[in-house]
Amino acid sequence: MTTQLDIFAIATEKARKSPLESASAWIAANPEAWRYVKSQARFAAEHGHKFGMKALMEHVRWHFAVQRGAEDTYAINNNAVSALARLLVSQCPEVRPYIELRRSTLDGGGRKGDGL
């Protein structure tokens, strides 16, 4: 049985992960969903449509909820979305012109939210 102290320790450990660590862990745990993210990003780019990573991730959540049922969705911490966007661009450089990457602490400086 998990005690309140154990739950606090688990939550604290999760909070210690950087957004990049969280994003990488999510990709490793959800390869099918990551393939779908990349396919949808490529589809948008091929058709000349700009997109935001947050909207794309919400689409992925919705897609798998509809396909598999509400109890089988891909949870992702919203703090990891900017790291996922950067990983997406590194793995699929052809989508770069179609996705806005705002300045982030992941970029090694600058204030979060400043446009690139």
Protein backbone atom coordinates (compact mmCIF):
# COMPACT_ATOMS: atom_id res chain seq x y z
CA MET A 1 0.00 0.00 0.00
CA THR A 2 1.32 3.44 -0.91
CA THR A 3 1.45 5.96 1.88
CA GLN A 4 1.10 9.71 1.54
CA LEU A 5 4.83 10.06 2.07
CA ASP A 6 5.52 7.62 -0.77
CA ILE A 7 3.20 9.55 -3.09
CA PHE A 8 4.97 12.80 -2.17
CA ALA A 9 8.35 11.22 -2.90
CA ILE A 10 7.14 9.98 -6.30
CA ALA A 11 5.73 13.41 -7.19
CA THR A 12 8.95 15.11 -6.10
CA GLU A 13 11.05 12.73 -8.20
CA LYS A 14 8.90 13.43 -11.26
CA ALA A 15 9.24 17.17 -10.67
CA ARG A 16 13.05 16.83 -10.72
CA LYS A 17 13.08 15.64 -14.33
CA SER A 18 13.99 18.29 -16.86
CA PRO A 19 11.57 18.88 -19.73
CA LEU A 20 14.03 17.15 -22.08
CA GLU A 21 14.25 14.12 -19.77
CA SER A 22 10.46 14.02 -19.53
CA ALA A 23 10.08 14.28 -23.30
CA SER A 24 12.68 11.58 -23.96
CA ALA A 25 11.07 9.28 -21.39
CA TRP A 26 7.65 9.86 -22.96
CA ILE A 27 8.98 9.01 -26.43
CA ALA A 28 10.63 5.83 -25.11
CA ALA A 29 7.44 4.79 -23.33
CA ASN A 30 5.12 5.69 -26.22
CA PRO A 31 6.83 4.92 -29.53
CA GLU A 32 3.54 4.42 -31.37
CA ALA A 33 2.29 7.84 -30.28
CA TRP A 34 5.63 9.47 -31.22
CA ARG A 35 5.44 7.91 -34.69
CA TYR A 36 1.94 9.36 -35.00
CA VAL A 37 3.18 12.81 -33.87
CA LYS A 38 5.88 12.72 -36.55
CA SER A 39 3.47 11.51 -39.24
CA GLN A 40 0.97 14.27 -38.46
CA ALA A 41 3.72 16.93 -38.41
CA ARG A 42 5.01 15.71 -41.78
CA PHE A 43 1.48 15.65 -43.18
CA ALA A 44 0.92 19.27 -42.12
CA ALA A 45 4.28 20.33 -43.57
CA GLU A 46 3.68 18.50 -46.87
CA HIS A 47 0.41 20.41 -47.22
CA GLY A 48 1.95 23.76 -46.25
CA HIS A 49 0.10 24.07 -42.93
CA LYS A 50 1.70 25.70 -39.92
CA PHE A 51 1.04 24.04 -36.57
CA GLY A 52 1.79 24.37 -32.90
CA MET A 53 3.21 21.53 -30.86
CA LYS A 54 0.67 21.97 -28.07
CA ALA A 55 -2.20 21.63 -30.55
CA LEU A 56 -0.52 18.62 -32.13
CA MET A 57 -0.13 16.92 -28.76
CA GLU A 58 -3.79 17.60 -27.92
CA HIS A 59 -4.69 16.01 -31.27
CA VAL A 60 -2.61 12.94 -30.38
CA ARG A 61 -4.38 12.66 -27.01
CA TRP A 62 -7.76 12.96 -28.73
CA HIS A 63 -6.86 10.53 -31.54
CA PHE A 64 -5.79 7.75 -29.21
CA ALA A 65 -8.69 8.39 -26.80
CA VAL A 66 -11.16 7.97 -29.66
CA GLN A 67 -9.31 5.02 -31.17
CA ARG A 68 -8.73 3.11 -27.94
CA GLY A 69 -11.15 4.52 -25.41
CA ALA A 70 -10.84 7.33 -22.91
CA GLU A 71 -9.00 5.21 -20.35
CA ASP A 72 -6.14 4.44 -22.76
CA THR A 73 -4.65 7.84 -23.57
CA TYR A 74 -1.11 9.12 -23.73
CA ALA A 75 -0.45 11.39 -20.79
CA ILE A 76 2.25 13.99 -21.27
CA ASN A 77 3.27 16.78 -18.96
CA ASN A 78 2.68 20.08 -20.75
CA ASN A 79 6.07 21.26 -19.46
CA ALA A 80 7.68 18.74 -21.83
CA VAL A 81 5.92 19.97 -24.97
CA SER A 82 8.61 22.51 -25.90
CA ALA A 83 11.25 19.78 -25.60
CA LEU A 84 9.12 17.49 -27.78
CA ALA A 85 8.96 20.26 -30.38
CA ARG A 86 12.74 20.52 -30.46
CA LEU A 87 13.13 16.75 -30.68
CA LEU A 88 10.58 16.69 -33.50
CA VAL A 89 12.53 19.30 -35.47
CA SER A 90 15.80 17.45 -34.89
CA GLN A 91 14.27 14.18 -36.15
CA CYS A 92 12.14 15.73 -38.91
CA PRO A 93 13.92 18.88 -40.10
CA GLU A 94 11.47 19.27 -42.99
CA VAL A 95 8.79 20.42 -40.52
CA ARG A 96 10.90 23.31 -39.15
CA PRO A 97 9.41 26.00 -41.43
CA TYR A 98 5.91 25.04 -40.29
CA ILE A 99 6.30 25.02 -36.51
CA GLU A 100 6.95 28.04 -34.31
CA LEU A 101 9.64 27.46 -31.72
CA ARG A 102 9.56 30.13 -29.08
CA ARG A 103 12.67 30.82 -27.10
CA SER A 104 12.91 28.48 -24.17
CA THR A 105 15.23 27.76 -21.30
CA LEU A 106 16.01 24.63 -23.34
CA ASP A 107 17.81 26.87 -25.83
CA GLY A 108 20.51 27.80 -23.33
CA GLY A 109 19.60 31.35 -22.54
CA GLY A 110 17.04 34.01 -23.10
CA ARG A 111 13.69 34.34 -21.48
CA LYS A 112 10.98 31.80 -21.99
CA GLY A 113 8.36 33.16 -24.38
CA ASP A 114 10.66 35.40 -26.44
CA GLY A 115 10.12 34.61 -30.10
CA LEU A 116 12.95 33.15 -32.15
